[in-house]
Amino acid sequence: MKTLAMYRPNTIQNALSDFDRYFESFFGDSILSPASRLLNHMPAVDIQETENAYVLEMDLPGYDEKNIEVHVDGSSLTIASKQEEKQEKKSEENQGTYVLRERRLNSFSRSFKLPENADSEAVNAAFKNGILTLQIKKRSETQKRTIQINVA
């Protein structure tokens, strides 16, 4: 005897959507929702040590250098940006409302402890193609040097 079973295609997208709705109903915004991910975004950083300096590169696509602040306070380096979400004024041409809006401007603040041999007075910053590059020079008295051994 053959059995008839109902076929319900279940894709991974449907499963994730159901999971998302479950979290939204319990916590409000889902931790998996795009808006939540964008609000908690911390820019990626690479820090490299060279012979004479430390080089920090931070990815900041979509940011304007006018809105980025770099502060050095003692041995603490802080990079921050506060961008306000633009309030759009409705005109005759712009009467629609957003159905989905993922491209919001957000703010961040990251702090780093400078090494003991970093010169907090000699920090250079450059911003190009969405990448902030900081060059923090090492103090000359702490730089590695080779000492010649004399034969007695």
C-alpha atoms as a PDB file:
ATOM      1  CA  MET A   1       0.000   0.000   0.000  1.00  0.00           C
ATOM      2  CA  LYS A   2       1.324   3.418  -0.973  1.00  0.00           C
ATOM      3  CA  THR A   3       1.209   6.439   1.315  1.00  0.00           C
ATOM      4  CA  LEU A   4       0.517   9.955   0.149  1.00  0.00           C
ATOM      5  CA  ALA A   5       2.644  12.652   1.821  1.00  0.00           C
ATOM      6  CA  MET A   6       2.276  16.419   1.463  1.00  0.00           C
ATOM      7  CA  TYR A   7       5.304  18.071  -0.121  1.00  0.00           C
ATOM      8  CA  ARG A   8       6.396  21.343   1.494  1.00  0.00           C
ATOM      9  CA  PRO A   9       9.615  22.693   0.027  1.00  0.00           C
ATOM     10  CA  ASN A  10      11.706  24.148   2.830  1.00  0.00           C
ATOM     11  CA  THR A  11      14.669  26.232   1.791  1.00  0.00           C
ATOM     12  CA  ILE A  12      17.385  27.556   4.030  1.00  0.00           C
ATOM     13  CA  GLN A  13      16.090  31.088   3.367  1.00  0.00           C
ATOM     14  CA  ASN A  14      12.656  30.138   4.737  1.00  0.00           C
ATOM     15  CA  ALA A  15      14.245  28.564   7.795  1.00  0.00           C
ATOM     16  CA  LEU A  16      16.345  31.655   8.464  1.00  0.00           C
ATOM     17  CA  SER A  17      13.336  33.883   7.922  1.00  0.00           C
ATOM     18  CA  ASP A  18      11.334  31.866  10.474  1.00  0.00           C
ATOM     19  CA  PHE A  19      14.254  32.034  12.913  1.00  0.00           C
ATOM     20  CA  ASP A  20      14.497  35.801  12.355  1.00  0.00           C
ATOM     21  CA  ARG A  21      10.775  36.274  13.052  1.00  0.00           C
ATOM     22  CA  TYR A  22      11.113  34.217  16.235  1.00  0.00           C
ATOM     23  CA  PHE A  23      13.888  36.480  17.544  1.00  0.00           C
ATOM     24  CA  GLU A  24      12.005  39.640  16.518  1.00  0.00           C
ATOM     25  CA  SER A  25       8.937  38.495  18.403  1.00  0.00           C
ATOM     26  CA  PHE A  26      10.974  37.804  21.534  1.00  0.00           C
ATOM     27  CA  PHE A  27      13.768  40.408  21.562  1.00  0.00           C
ATOM     28  CA  GLY A  28      12.568  43.098  19.187  1.00  0.00           C
ATOM     29  CA  ASP A  29      15.184  43.359  16.443  1.00  0.00           C
ATOM     30  CA  SER A  30      16.880  40.130  15.468  1.00  0.00           C
ATOM     31  CA  ILE A  31      20.612  39.826  15.968  1.00  0.00           C
ATOM     32  CA  LEU A  32      20.681  38.455  12.436  1.00  0.00           C
ATOM     33  CA  SER A  33      18.803  41.340  10.822  1.00  0.00           C
ATOM     34  CA  PRO A  34      20.806  43.596   8.488  1.00  0.00           C
ATOM     35  CA  ALA A  35      19.957  46.743  10.469  1.00  0.00           C
ATOM     36  CA  SER A  36      21.262  45.173  13.666  1.00  0.00           C
ATOM     37  CA  ARG A  37      24.500  44.086  11.967  1.00  0.00           C
ATOM     38  CA  LEU A  38      25.069  47.583  10.569  1.00  0.00           C
ATOM     39  CA  LEU A  39      24.480  49.293  13.908  1.00  0.00           C
ATOM     40  CA  ASN A  40      27.048  47.064  15.630  1.00  0.00           C
ATOM     41  CA  HIS A  41      29.666  47.351  12.904  1.00  0.00           C
ATOM     42  CA  MET A  42      33.219  47.898  14.005  1.00  0.00           C
ATOM     43  CA  PRO A  43      35.653  48.778  11.230  1.00  0.00           C
ATOM     44  CA  ALA A  44      38.364  46.238  10.468  1.00  0.00           C
ATOM     45  CA  VAL A  45      41.919  47.185  11.448  1.00  0.00           C
ATOM     46  CA  ASP A  46      45.374  45.939  10.466  1.00  0.00           C
ATOM     47  CA  ILE A  47      48.368  46.999  12.583  1.00  0.00           C
ATOM     48  CA  GLN A  48      51.870  46.430  11.308  1.00  0.00           C
ATOM     49  CA  GLU A  49      55.168  47.067  13.049  1.00  0.00           C
ATOM     50  CA  THR A  50      58.047  48.334  10.952  1.00  0.00           C
ATOM     51  CA  GLU A  51      61.578  49.192  12.028  1.00  0.00           C
ATOM     52  CA  ASN A  52      60.744  52.855  12.690  1.00  0.00           C
ATOM     53  CA  ALA A  53      56.982  52.982  13.248  1.00  0.00           C
ATOM     54  CA  TYR A  54      53.651  51.268  13.794  1.00  0.00           C
ATOM     55  CA  VAL A  55      51.249  51.477  10.854  1.00  0.00           C
ATOM     56  CA  LEU A  56      47.520  51.183  11.504  1.00  0.00           C
ATOM     57  CA  GLU A  57      45.107  50.790   8.564  1.00  0.00           C
ATOM     58  CA  MET A  58      41.365  50.961   9.183  1.00  0.00           C
ATOM     59  CA  ASP A  59      38.703  50.219   6.547  1.00  0.00           C
ATOM     60  CA  LEU A  60      36.161  53.050   6.485  1.00  0.00           C
ATOM     61  CA  PRO A  61      34.275  52.784   3.186  1.00  0.00           C
ATOM     62  CA  GLY A  62      31.496  55.337   2.905  1.00  0.00           C
ATOM     63  CA  TYR A  63      32.960  57.606   5.582  1.00  0.00           C
ATOM     64  CA  ASP A  64      34.075  61.173   4.986  1.00  0.00           C
ATOM     65  CA  GLU A  65      37.411  62.248   6.460  1.00  0.00           C
ATOM     66  CA  LYS A  66      35.682  65.330   7.916  1.00  0.00           C
ATOM     67  CA  ASN A  67      33.656  63.055  10.226  1.00  0.00           C
ATOM     68  CA  ILE A  68      36.606  60.970  11.485  1.00  0.00           C
ATOM     69  CA  GLU A  69      38.380  61.993  14.675  1.00  0.00           C
ATOM     70  CA  VAL A  70      41.725  60.666  15.886  1.00  0.00           C
ATOM     71  CA  HIS A  71      42.731  61.434  19.492  1.00  0.00           C
ATOM     72  CA  VAL A  72      45.848  60.549  21.440  1.00  0.00           C
ATOM     73  CA  ASP A  73      45.603  60.807  25.220  1.00  0.00           C
ATOM     74  CA  GLY A  74      48.726  59.562  26.942  1.00  0.00           C
ATOM     75  CA  SER A  75      49.125  55.968  25.804  1.00  0.00           C
ATOM     76  CA  SER A  76      45.600  55.677  24.405  1.00  0.00           C
ATOM     77  CA  LEU A  77      44.749  56.152  20.724  1.00  0.00           C
ATOM     78  CA  THR A  78      41.063  56.593  19.874  1.00  0.00           C
ATOM     79  CA  ILE A  79      39.497  56.653  16.414  1.00  0.00           C
ATOM     80  CA  ALA A  80      35.855  57.696  16.289  1.00  0.00           C
ATOM     81  CA  SER A  81      33.178  58.874  13.914  1.00  0.00           C
ATOM     82  CA  LYS A  82      29.737  60.237  14.620  1.00  0.00           C
ATOM     83  CA  GLN A  83      27.577  60.451  11.563  1.00  0.00           C
ATOM     84  CA  GLU A  84      24.018  61.563  11.831  1.00  0.00           C
ATOM     85  CA  GLU A  85      21.364  59.910   9.728  1.00  0.00           C
ATOM     86  CA  LYS A  86      20.199  62.406   7.143  1.00  0.00           C
ATOM     87  CA  GLN A  87      16.606  63.497   7.518  1.00  0.00           C
ATOM     88  CA  GLU A  88      15.104  63.573   4.080  1.00  0.00           C
ATOM     89  CA  LYS A  89      12.703  66.349   3.256  1.00  0.00           C
ATOM     90  CA  LYS A  90       9.875  65.186   1.097  1.00  0.00           C
ATOM     91  CA  SER A  91       9.435  67.089  -2.115  1.00  0.00           C
ATOM     92  CA  GLU A  92       7.140  66.590  -5.052  1.00  0.00           C
ATOM     93  CA  GLU A  93       9.745  64.308  -6.639  1.00  0.00           C
ATOM     94  CA  ASN A  94      10.400  62.277  -3.464  1.00  0.00           C
ATOM     95  CA  GLN A  95       7.023  61.102  -2.162  1.00  0.00           C
ATOM     96  CA  GLY A  96       7.887  57.437  -1.538  1.00  0.00           C
ATOM     97  CA  THR A  97       8.682  55.684   1.711  1.00  0.00           C
ATOM     98  CA  TYR A  98      11.378  53.098   2.264  1.00  0.00           C
ATOM     99  CA  VAL A  99      10.402  49.444   2.144  1.00  0.00           C
ATOM    100  CA  LEU A 100      13.925  48.321   3.143  1.00  0.00           C
ATOM    101  CA  ARG A 101      16.736  50.592   4.259  1.00  0.00           C
ATOM    102  CA  GLU A 102      20.133  49.017   4.975  1.00  0.00           C
ATOM    103  CA  ARG A 103      22.408  51.903   3.958  1.00  0.00           C
ATOM    104  CA  ARG A 104      22.355  53.950   7.130  1.00  0.00           C
ATOM    105  CA  LEU A 105      25.171  56.042   8.413  1.00  0.00           C
ATOM    106  CA  ASN A 106      26.499  54.792  11.689  1.00  0.00           C
ATOM    107  CA  SER A 107      28.939  55.759  14.397  1.00  0.00           C
ATOM    108  CA  PHE A 108      31.809  53.904  16.006  1.00  0.00           C
ATOM    109  CA  SER A 109      34.618  54.411  18.467  1.00  0.00           C
ATOM    110  CA  ARG A 110      37.689  52.192  18.827  1.00  0.00           C
ATOM    111  CA  SER A 111      40.537  52.661  21.264  1.00  0.00           C
ATOM    112  CA  PHE A 112      44.000  51.128  21.231  1.00  0.00           C
ATOM    113  CA  LYS A 113      46.727  51.111  23.877  1.00  0.00           C
ATOM    114  CA  LEU A 114      49.961  52.391  22.391  1.00  0.00           C
ATOM    115  CA  PRO A 115      53.153  50.405  23.039  1.00  0.00           C
ATOM    116  CA  GLU A 116      55.672  51.942  25.432  1.00  0.00           C
ATOM    117  CA  ASN A 117      58.088  52.776  22.613  1.00  0.00           C
ATOM    118  CA  ALA A 118      55.473  54.644  20.533  1.00  0.00           C
ATOM    119  CA  ASP A 119      55.913  58.409  20.231  1.00  0.00           C
ATOM    120  CA  SER A 120      52.437  59.835  20.881  1.00  0.00           C
ATOM    121  CA  GLU A 121      53.633  63.228  19.619  1.00  0.00           C
ATOM    122  CA  ALA A 122      54.566  61.848  16.170  1.00  0.00           C
ATOM    123  CA  VAL A 123      51.341  60.478  14.681  1.00  0.00           C
ATOM    124  CA  ASN A 124      50.577  61.097  11.001  1.00  0.00           C
ATOM    125  CA  ALA A 125      47.145  60.390   9.506  1.00  0.00           C
ATOM    126  CA  ALA A 126      46.065  59.981   5.879  1.00  0.00           C
ATOM    127  CA  PHE A 127      42.705  59.034   4.368  1.00  0.00           C
ATOM    128  CA  LYS A 128      42.449  57.685   0.832  1.00  0.00           C
ATOM    129  CA  ASN A 129      39.923  55.427  -0.938  1.00  0.00           C
ATOM    130  CA  GLY A 130      38.057  54.645   2.285  1.00  0.00           C
ATOM    131  CA  ILE A 131      41.177  53.584   4.210  1.00  0.00           C
ATOM    132  CA  LEU A 132      42.470  55.544   7.192  1.00  0.00           C
ATOM    133  CA  THR A 133      46.227  55.078   7.626  1.00  0.00           C
ATOM    134  CA  LEU A 134      47.971  56.153  10.818  1.00  0.00           C
ATOM    135  CA  GLN A 135      51.734  56.084  11.134  1.00  0.00           C
ATOM    136  CA  ILE A 136      52.903  56.187  14.742  1.00  0.00           C
ATOM    137  CA  LYS A 137      56.651  56.661  14.953  1.00  0.00           C
ATOM    138  CA  LYS A 138      58.768  54.840  17.489  1.00  0.00           C
ATOM    139  CA  ARG A 139      60.905  56.857  19.883  1.00  0.00           C
ATOM    140  CA  SER A 140      64.478  56.918  18.631  1.00  0.00           C
ATOM    141  CA  GLU A 141      65.967  55.911  21.992  1.00  0.00           C
ATOM    142  CA  THR A 142      63.908  52.700  21.996  1.00  0.00           C
ATOM    143  CA  GLN A 143      64.603  51.635  18.418  1.00  0.00           C
ATOM    144  CA  LYS A 144      66.587  48.484  17.902  1.00  0.00           C
ATOM    145  CA  ARG A 145      70.232  49.018  17.084  1.00  0.00           C
ATOM    146  CA  THR A 146      73.183  46.740  16.605  1.00  0.00           C
ATOM    147  CA  ILE A 147      76.163  47.157  18.879  1.00  0.00           C
ATOM    148  CA  GLN A 148      79.575  46.287  17.533  1.00  0.00           C
ATOM    149  CA  ILE A 149      81.652  43.973  19.709  1.00  0.00           C
ATOM    150  CA  ASN A 150      85.312  44.948  19.928  1.00  0.00           C
ATOM    151  CA  VAL A 151      87.940  42.278  20.179  1.00  0.00           C
ATOM    152  CA  ALA A 152      90.221  42.893  23.172  1.00  0.00           C
END
